[in-house]
Amino acid sequence: DFRSFVADIFITIAAFFGYIVGQVVGFVED
């Protein structure tokens, strides 16, 4: 359960950073 919890945290963090990078790239493209 702990390993699954930690993995989920890292997946969420990666998704958050991916969203931020996507927003920045979209802004620069515009």
PDB file of all heavy atoms in Angstrom:
ATOM      1  N   ASP A   1       0.830  -1.205   0.000  1.00  0.00           N
ATOM      2  CA  ASP A   1       0.000   0.000   0.000  1.00  0.00           C
ATOM      3  C   ASP A   1       0.864   1.254   0.000  1.00  0.00           C
ATOM      4  O   ASP A   1       0.564   2.227  -0.694  1.00  0.00           O
ATOM      5  CB  ASP A   1      -0.931   0.021   1.210  1.00  0.00           C
ATOM      6  CG  ASP A   1      -2.044  -1.016   1.122  1.00  0.00           C
ATOM      7  OD1 ASP A   1      -2.276  -1.538   0.015  1.00  0.00           O
ATOM      8  OD2 ASP A   1      -2.666  -1.304   2.166  1.00  0.00           O
ATOM      9  N   PHE A   2       1.933   1.244   0.784  1.00  0.00           N
ATOM     10  CA  PHE A   2       2.820   2.397   0.847  1.00  0.00           C
ATOM     11  C   PHE A   2       3.501   2.630  -0.497  1.00  0.00           C
ATOM     12  O   PHE A   2       3.582   3.759  -0.974  1.00  0.00           O
ATOM     13  CB  PHE A   2       3.868   2.204   1.954  1.00  0.00           C
ATOM     14  CG  PHE A   2       4.826   3.345   2.059  1.00  0.00           C
ATOM     15  CD1 PHE A   2       4.406   4.568   2.551  1.00  0.00           C
ATOM     16  CD2 PHE A   2       6.148   3.213   1.658  1.00  0.00           C
ATOM     17  CE1 PHE A   2       5.286   5.636   2.647  1.00  0.00           C
ATOM     18  CE2 PHE A   2       7.032   4.265   1.744  1.00  0.00           C
ATOM     19  CZ  PHE A   2       6.596   5.480   2.248  1.00  0.00           C
ATOM     20  N   ARG A   3       3.979   1.551  -1.123  1.00  0.00           N
ATOM     21  CA  ARG A   3       4.617   1.689  -2.441  1.00  0.00           C
ATOM     22  C   ARG A   3       3.626   2.236  -3.459  1.00  0.00           C
ATOM     23  O   ARG A   3       3.965   3.092  -4.271  1.00  0.00           O
ATOM     24  CB  ARG A   3       5.165   0.349  -2.912  1.00  0.00           C
ATOM     25  CG  ARG A   3       6.420  -0.056  -2.206  1.00  0.00           C
ATOM     26  CD  ARG A   3       6.942  -1.350  -2.764  1.00  0.00           C
ATOM     27  NE  ARG A   3       8.165  -1.742  -2.075  1.00  0.00           N
ATOM     28  CZ  ARG A   3       9.008  -2.622  -2.529  1.00  0.00           C
ATOM     29  NH1 ARG A   3       8.769  -3.237  -3.666  1.00  0.00           N
ATOM     30  NH2 ARG A   3      10.091  -2.923  -1.858  1.00  0.00           N
ATOM     31  N   SER A   4       2.401   1.736  -3.419  1.00  0.00           N
ATOM     32  CA  SER A   4       1.368   2.214  -4.341  1.00  0.00           C
ATOM     33  C   SER A   4       1.078   3.695  -4.086  1.00  0.00           C
ATOM     34  O   SER A   4       0.938   4.481  -5.022  1.00  0.00           O
ATOM     35  CB  SER A   4       0.096   1.397  -4.157  1.00  0.00           C
ATOM     36  OG  SER A   4      -0.946   1.919  -4.925  1.00  0.00           O
ATOM     37  N   PHE A   5       0.998   4.079  -2.820  1.00  0.00           N
ATOM     38  CA  PHE A   5       0.751   5.470  -2.443  1.00  0.00           C
ATOM     39  C   PHE A   5       1.864   6.381  -2.962  1.00  0.00           C
ATOM     40  O   PHE A   5       1.600   7.421  -3.563  1.00  0.00           O
ATOM     41  CB  PHE A   5       0.634   5.573  -0.920  1.00  0.00           C
ATOM     42  CG  PHE A   5       0.530   6.970  -0.403  1.00  0.00           C
ATOM     43  CD1 PHE A   5      -0.637   7.692  -0.579  1.00  0.00           C
ATOM     44  CD2 PHE A   5       1.594   7.562   0.262  1.00  0.00           C
ATOM     45  CE1 PHE A   5      -0.739   8.989  -0.089  1.00  0.00           C
ATOM     46  CE2 PHE A   5       1.506   8.850   0.740  1.00  0.00           C
ATOM     47  CZ  PHE A   5       0.329   9.566   0.569  1.00  0.00           C
ATOM     48  N   VAL A   6       3.109   5.975  -2.758  1.00  0.00           N
ATOM     49  CA  VAL A   6       4.245   6.776  -3.218  1.00  0.00           C
ATOM     50  C   VAL A   6       4.255   6.859  -4.745  1.00  0.00           C
ATOM     51  O   VAL A   6       4.492   7.925  -5.318  1.00  0.00           O
ATOM     52  CB  VAL A   6       5.576   6.209  -2.670  1.00  0.00           C
ATOM     53  CG1 VAL A   6       6.765   6.894  -3.313  1.00  0.00           C
ATOM     54  CG2 VAL A   6       5.635   6.365  -1.155  1.00  0.00           C
ATOM     55  N   ALA A   7       3.975   5.747  -5.415  1.00  0.00           N
ATOM     56  CA  ALA A   7       3.927   5.755  -6.879  1.00  0.00           C
ATOM     57  C   ALA A   7       2.842   6.702  -7.370  1.00  0.00           C
ATOM     58  O   ALA A   7       3.057   7.462  -8.326  1.00  0.00           O
ATOM     59  CB  ALA A   7       3.692   4.348  -7.409  1.00  0.00           C
ATOM     60  N   ASP A   8       1.681   6.686  -6.726  1.00  0.00           N
ATOM     61  CA  ASP A   8       0.594   7.594  -7.108  1.00  0.00           C
ATOM     62  C   ASP A   8       0.987   9.052  -6.906  1.00  0.00           C
ATOM     63  O   ASP A   8       0.630   9.915  -7.714  1.00  0.00           O
ATOM     64  CB  ASP A   8      -0.676   7.284  -6.319  1.00  0.00           C
ATOM     65  CG  ASP A   8      -1.333   5.986  -6.741  1.00  0.00           C
ATOM     66  OD1 ASP A   8      -0.990   5.487  -7.829  1.00  0.00           O
ATOM     67  OD2 ASP A   8      -2.182   5.480  -5.970  1.00  0.00           O
ATOM     68  N   ILE A   9       1.711   9.324  -5.832  1.00  0.00           N
ATOM     69  CA  ILE A   9       2.173  10.697  -5.594  1.00  0.00           C
ATOM     70  C   ILE A   9       3.082  11.151  -6.727  1.00  0.00           C
ATOM     71  O   ILE A   9       2.933  12.255  -7.260  1.00  0.00           O
ATOM     72  CB  ILE A   9       2.895  10.805  -4.234  1.00  0.00           C
ATOM     73  CG1 ILE A   9       1.897  10.726  -3.092  1.00  0.00           C
ATOM     74  CG2 ILE A   9       3.695  12.102  -4.147  1.00  0.00           C
ATOM     75  CD1 ILE A   9       2.514  10.689  -1.723  1.00  0.00           C
ATOM     76  N   PHE A  10       4.034  10.297  -7.120  1.00  0.00           N
ATOM     77  CA  PHE A  10       4.955  10.683  -8.188  1.00  0.00           C
ATOM     78  C   PHE A  10       4.221  10.819  -9.526  1.00  0.00           C
ATOM     79  O   PHE A  10       4.561  11.689 -10.330  1.00  0.00           O
ATOM     80  CB  PHE A  10       6.116   9.705  -8.286  1.00  0.00           C
ATOM     81  CG  PHE A  10       7.191   9.968  -7.275  1.00  0.00           C
ATOM     82  CD1 PHE A  10       7.314   9.180  -6.147  1.00  0.00           C
ATOM     83  CD2 PHE A  10       8.066  11.031  -7.438  1.00  0.00           C
ATOM     84  CE1 PHE A  10       8.292   9.437  -5.200  1.00  0.00           C
ATOM     85  CE2 PHE A  10       9.043  11.296  -6.507  1.00  0.00           C
ATOM     86  CZ  PHE A  10       9.161  10.501  -5.384  1.00  0.00           C
ATOM     87  N   ILE A  11       3.221   9.995  -9.770  1.00  0.00           N
ATOM     88  CA  ILE A  11       2.425  10.120 -10.998  1.00  0.00           C
ATOM     89  C   ILE A  11       1.691  11.454 -11.006  1.00  0.00           C
ATOM     90  O   ILE A  11       1.661  12.158 -12.023  1.00  0.00           O
ATOM     91  CB  ILE A  11       1.442   8.938 -11.125  1.00  0.00           C
ATOM     92  CG1 ILE A  11       2.213   7.654 -11.431  1.00  0.00           C
ATOM     93  CG2 ILE A  11       0.391   9.202 -12.189  1.00  0.00           C
ATOM     94  CD1 ILE A  11       1.377   6.391 -11.333  1.00  0.00           C
ATOM     95  N   THR A  12       1.121  11.837  -9.877  1.00  0.00           N
ATOM     96  CA  THR A  12       0.416  13.110  -9.770  1.00  0.00           C
ATOM     97  C   THR A  12       1.363  14.287  -9.969  1.00  0.00           C
ATOM     98  O   THR A  12       1.042  15.246 -10.678  1.00  0.00           O
ATOM     99  CB  THR A  12      -0.281  13.219  -8.399  1.00  0.00           C
ATOM    100  OG1 THR A  12      -1.145  12.099  -8.231  1.00  0.00           O
ATOM    101  CG2 THR A  12      -1.065  14.499  -8.273  1.00  0.00           C
ATOM    102  N   ILE A  13       2.536  14.215  -9.353  1.00  0.00           N
ATOM    103  CA  ILE A  13       3.527  15.288  -9.511  1.00  0.00           C
ATOM    104  C   ILE A  13       3.961  15.396 -10.965  1.00  0.00           C
ATOM    105  O   ILE A  13       4.058  16.498 -11.518  1.00  0.00           O
ATOM    106  CB  ILE A  13       4.734  15.047  -8.577  1.00  0.00           C
ATOM    107  CG1 ILE A  13       4.320  15.233  -7.117  1.00  0.00           C
ATOM    108  CG2 ILE A  13       5.896  15.977  -8.931  1.00  0.00           C
ATOM    109  CD1 ILE A  13       5.357  14.786  -6.113  1.00  0.00           C
ATOM    110  N   ALA A  14       4.202  14.254 -11.622  1.00  0.00           N
ATOM    111  CA  ALA A  14       4.611  14.271 -13.029  1.00  0.00           C
ATOM    112  C   ALA A  14       3.506  14.857 -13.903  1.00  0.00           C
ATOM    113  O   ALA A  14       3.785  15.636 -14.823  1.00  0.00           O
ATOM    114  CB  ALA A  14       4.964  12.852 -13.480  1.00  0.00           C
ATOM    115  N   ALA A  15       2.258  14.505 -13.626  1.00  0.00           N
ATOM    116  CA  ALA A  15       1.146  15.057 -14.401  1.00  0.00           C
ATOM    117  C   ALA A  15       1.050  16.566 -14.208  1.00  0.00           C
ATOM    118  O   ALA A  15       0.808  17.316 -15.165  1.00  0.00           O
ATOM    119  CB  ALA A  15      -0.165  14.386 -13.993  1.00  0.00           C
ATOM    120  N   PHE A  16       1.248  17.022 -12.984  1.00  0.00           N
ATOM    121  CA  PHE A  16       1.204  18.459 -12.685  1.00  0.00           C
ATOM    122  C   PHE A  16       2.298  19.203 -13.443  1.00  0.00           C
ATOM    123  O   PHE A  16       2.042  20.220 -14.092  1.00  0.00           O
ATOM    124  CB  PHE A  16       1.346  18.674 -11.175  1.00  0.00           C
ATOM    125  CG  PHE A  16       1.350  20.114 -10.766  1.00  0.00           C
ATOM    126  CD1 PHE A  16       0.208  20.872 -10.868  1.00  0.00           C
ATOM    127  CD2 PHE A  16       2.502  20.700 -10.267  1.00  0.00           C
ATOM    128  CE1 PHE A  16       0.206  22.209 -10.488  1.00  0.00           C
ATOM    129  CE2 PHE A  16       2.514  22.018  -9.891  1.00  0.00           C
ATOM    130  CZ  PHE A  16       1.362  22.780  -9.992  1.00  0.00           C
ATOM    131  N   PHE A  17       3.527  18.689 -13.392  1.00  0.00           N
ATOM    132  CA  PHE A  17       4.624  19.337 -14.120  1.00  0.00           C
ATOM    133  C   PHE A  17       4.403  19.254 -15.631  1.00  0.00           C
ATOM    134  O   PHE A  17       4.727  20.192 -16.361  1.00  0.00           O
ATOM    135  CB  PHE A  17       5.978  18.746 -13.733  1.00  0.00           C
ATOM    136  CG  PHE A  17       6.486  19.245 -12.419  1.00  0.00           C
ATOM    137  CD1 PHE A  17       6.821  18.357 -11.410  1.00  0.00           C
ATOM    138  CD2 PHE A  17       6.630  20.599 -12.179  1.00  0.00           C
ATOM    139  CE1 PHE A  17       7.280  18.807 -10.183  1.00  0.00           C
ATOM    140  CE2 PHE A  17       7.091  21.068 -10.957  1.00  0.00           C
ATOM    141  CZ  PHE A  17       7.414  20.173  -9.967  1.00  0.00           C
ATOM    142  N   GLY A  18       3.845  18.146 -16.112  1.00  0.00           N
ATOM    143  CA  GLY A  18       3.525  18.032 -17.522  1.00  0.00           C
ATOM    144  C   GLY A  18       2.512  19.083 -17.947  1.00  0.00           C
ATOM    145  O   GLY A  18       2.626  19.686 -19.016  1.00  0.00           O
ATOM    146  N   TYR A  19       1.512  19.316 -17.106  1.00  0.00           N
ATOM    147  CA  TYR A  19       0.512  20.351 -17.386  1.00  0.00           C
ATOM    148  C   TYR A  19       1.160  21.727 -17.453  1.00  0.00           C
ATOM    149  O   TYR A  19       0.894  22.507 -18.367  1.00  0.00           O
ATOM    150  CB  TYR A  19      -0.576  20.325 -16.311  1.00  0.00           C
ATOM    151  CG  TYR A  19      -1.577  21.435 -16.451  1.00  0.00           C
ATOM    152  CD1 TYR A  19      -2.610  21.343 -17.381  1.00  0.00           C
ATOM    153  CD2 TYR A  19      -1.495  22.581 -15.660  1.00  0.00           C
ATOM    154  CE1 TYR A  19      -3.534  22.366 -17.518  1.00  0.00           C
ATOM    155  CE2 TYR A  19      -2.408  23.602 -15.792  1.00  0.00           C
ATOM    156  CZ  TYR A  19      -3.430  23.499 -16.722  1.00  0.00           C
ATOM    157  OH  TYR A  19      -4.326  24.511 -16.863  1.00  0.00           O
ATOM    158  N   ILE A  20       2.024  22.021 -16.477  1.00  0.00           N
ATOM    159  CA  ILE A  20       2.697  23.327 -16.449  1.00  0.00           C
ATOM    160  C   ILE A  20       3.549  23.515 -17.695  1.00  0.00           C
ATOM    161  O   ILE A  20       3.496  24.558 -18.356  1.00  0.00           O
ATOM    162  CB  ILE A  20       3.543  23.483 -15.173  1.00  0.00           C
ATOM    163  CG1 ILE A  20       2.638  23.599 -13.953  1.00  0.00           C
ATOM    164  CG2 ILE A  20       4.469  24.683 -15.268  1.00  0.00           C
ATOM    165  CD1 ILE A  20       3.355  23.566 -12.637  1.00  0.00           C
ATOM    166  N   VAL A  21       4.331  22.507 -18.060  1.00  0.00           N
ATOM    167  CA  VAL A  21       5.179  22.597 -19.256  1.00  0.00           C
ATOM    168  C   VAL A  21       4.314  22.765 -20.498  1.00  0.00           C
ATOM    169  O   VAL A  21       4.627  23.565 -21.386  1.00  0.00           O
ATOM    170  CB  VAL A  21       6.104  21.357 -19.363  1.00  0.00           C
ATOM    171  CG1 VAL A  21       6.790  21.303 -20.710  1.00  0.00           C
ATOM    172  CG2 VAL A  21       7.138  21.367 -18.240  1.00  0.00           C
ATOM    173  N   GLY A  22       3.201  22.037 -20.569  1.00  0.00           N
ATOM    174  CA  GLY A  22       2.287  22.172 -21.701  1.00  0.00           C
ATOM    175  C   GLY A  22       1.729  23.573 -21.815  1.00  0.00           C
ATOM    176  O   GLY A  22       1.627  24.131 -22.918  1.00  0.00           O
ATOM    177  N   GLN A  23       1.374  24.174 -20.683  1.00  0.00           N
ATOM    178  CA  GLN A  23       0.857  25.544 -20.695  1.00  0.00           C
ATOM    179  C   GLN A  23       1.922  26.537 -21.155  1.00  0.00           C
ATOM    180  O   GLN A  23       1.645  27.434 -21.951  1.00  0.00           O
ATOM    181  CB  GLN A  23       0.345  25.936 -19.297  1.00  0.00           C
ATOM    182  CG  GLN A  23      -0.921  25.248 -18.898  1.00  0.00           C
ATOM    183  CD  GLN A  23      -2.098  25.655 -19.766  1.00  0.00           C
ATOM    184  OE1 GLN A  23      -2.259  26.812 -20.116  1.00  0.00           O
ATOM    185  NE2 GLN A  23      -2.907  24.683 -20.131  1.00  0.00           N
ATOM    186  N   VAL A  24       3.142  26.370 -20.681  1.00  0.00           N
ATOM    187  CA  VAL A  24       4.238  27.259 -21.079  1.00  0.00           C
ATOM    188  C   VAL A  24       4.521  27.111 -22.568  1.00  0.00           C
ATOM    189  O   VAL A  24       4.668  28.104 -23.291  1.00  0.00           O
ATOM    190  CB  VAL A  24       5.506  26.986 -20.233  1.00  0.00           C
ATOM    191  CG1 VAL A  24       6.711  27.717 -20.794  1.00  0.00           C
ATOM    192  CG2 VAL A  24       5.268  27.378 -18.784  1.00  0.00           C
ATOM    193  N   VAL A  25       4.601  25.876 -23.041  1.00  0.00           N
ATOM    194  CA  VAL A  25       4.874  25.643 -24.466  1.00  0.00           C
ATOM    195  C   VAL A  25       3.754  26.229 -25.321  1.00  0.00           C
ATOM    196  O   VAL A  25       4.002  26.867 -26.348  1.00  0.00           O
ATOM    197  CB  VAL A  25       5.067  24.129 -24.743  1.00  0.00           C
ATOM    198  CG1 VAL A  25       5.047  23.832 -26.233  1.00  0.00           C
ATOM    199  CG2 VAL A  25       6.370  23.641 -24.124  1.00  0.00           C
ATOM    200  N   GLY A  26       2.504  26.035 -24.919  1.00  0.00           N
ATOM    201  CA  GLY A  26       1.377  26.609 -25.651  1.00  0.00           C
ATOM    202  C   GLY A  26       1.447  28.122 -25.698  1.00  0.00           C
ATOM    203  O   GLY A  26       1.181  28.742 -26.735  1.00  0.00           O
ATOM    204  N   PHE A  27       1.798  28.750 -24.586  1.00  0.00           N
ATOM    205  CA  PHE A  27       1.927  30.206 -24.514  1.00  0.00           C
ATOM    206  C   PHE A  27       3.020  30.692 -25.470  1.00  0.00           C
ATOM    207  O   PHE A  27       2.826  31.647 -26.223  1.00  0.00           O
ATOM    208  CB  PHE A  27       2.243  30.616 -23.074  1.00  0.00           C
ATOM    209  CG  PHE A  27       2.405  32.086 -22.879  1.00  0.00           C
ATOM    210  CD1 PHE A  27       1.323  32.930 -22.954  1.00  0.00           C
ATOM    211  CD2 PHE A  27       3.660  32.619 -22.615  1.00  0.00           C
ATOM    212  CE1 PHE A  27       1.474  34.289 -22.766  1.00  0.00           C
ATOM    213  CE2 PHE A  27       3.826  33.970 -22.431  1.00  0.00           C
ATOM    214  CZ  PHE A  27       2.728  34.815 -22.503  1.00  0.00           C
ATOM    215  N   VAL A  28       4.157  30.011 -25.451  1.00  0.00           N
ATOM    216  CA  VAL A  28       5.271  30.393 -26.327  1.00  0.00           C
ATOM    217  C   VAL A  28       4.879  30.188 -27.794  1.00  0.00           C
ATOM    218  O   VAL A  28       5.214  31.017 -28.648  1.00  0.00           O
ATOM    219  CB  VAL A  28       6.549  29.606 -25.959  1.00  0.00           C
ATOM    220  CG1 VAL A  28       7.637  29.804 -26.994  1.00  0.00           C
ATOM    221  CG2 VAL A  28       7.042  30.010 -24.574  1.00  0.00           C
ATOM    222  N   GLU A  29       4.169  29.107 -28.098  1.00  0.00           N
ATOM    223  CA  GLU A  29       3.713  28.882 -29.477  1.00  0.00           C
ATOM    224  C   GLU A  29       2.780  29.999 -29.929  1.00  0.00           C
ATOM    225  O   GLU A  29       2.859  30.462 -31.073  1.00  0.00           O
ATOM    226  CB  GLU A  29       3.010  27.532 -29.604  1.00  0.00           C
ATOM    227  CG  GLU A  29       3.947  26.347 -29.617  1.00  0.00           C
ATOM    228  CD  GLU A  29       3.200  25.022 -29.708  1.00  0.00           C
ATOM    229  OE1 GLU A  29       1.953  24.998 -29.494  1.00  0.00           O
ATOM    230  OE2 GLU A  29       3.854  24.015 -29.987  1.00  0.00           O
ATOM    231  N   ASP A  30       1.861  30.422 -29.042  1.00  0.00           N
ATOM    232  CA  ASP A  30       0.950  31.517 -29.391  1.00  0.00           C
ATOM    233  C   ASP A  30       1.719  32.798 -29.682  1.00  0.00           C
ATOM    234  O   ASP A  30       1.416  33.510 -30.653  1.00  0.00           O
ATOM    235  CB  ASP A  30      -0.055  31.761 -28.265  1.00  0.00           C
ATOM    236  CG  ASP A  30      -1.065  30.629 -28.119  1.00  0.00           C
ATOM    237  OD1 ASP A  30      -1.190  29.840 -29.083  1.00  0.00           O
ATOM    238  OD2 ASP A  30      -1.703  30.540 -27.058  1.00  0.00           O
TER     239      ASP A  30
END
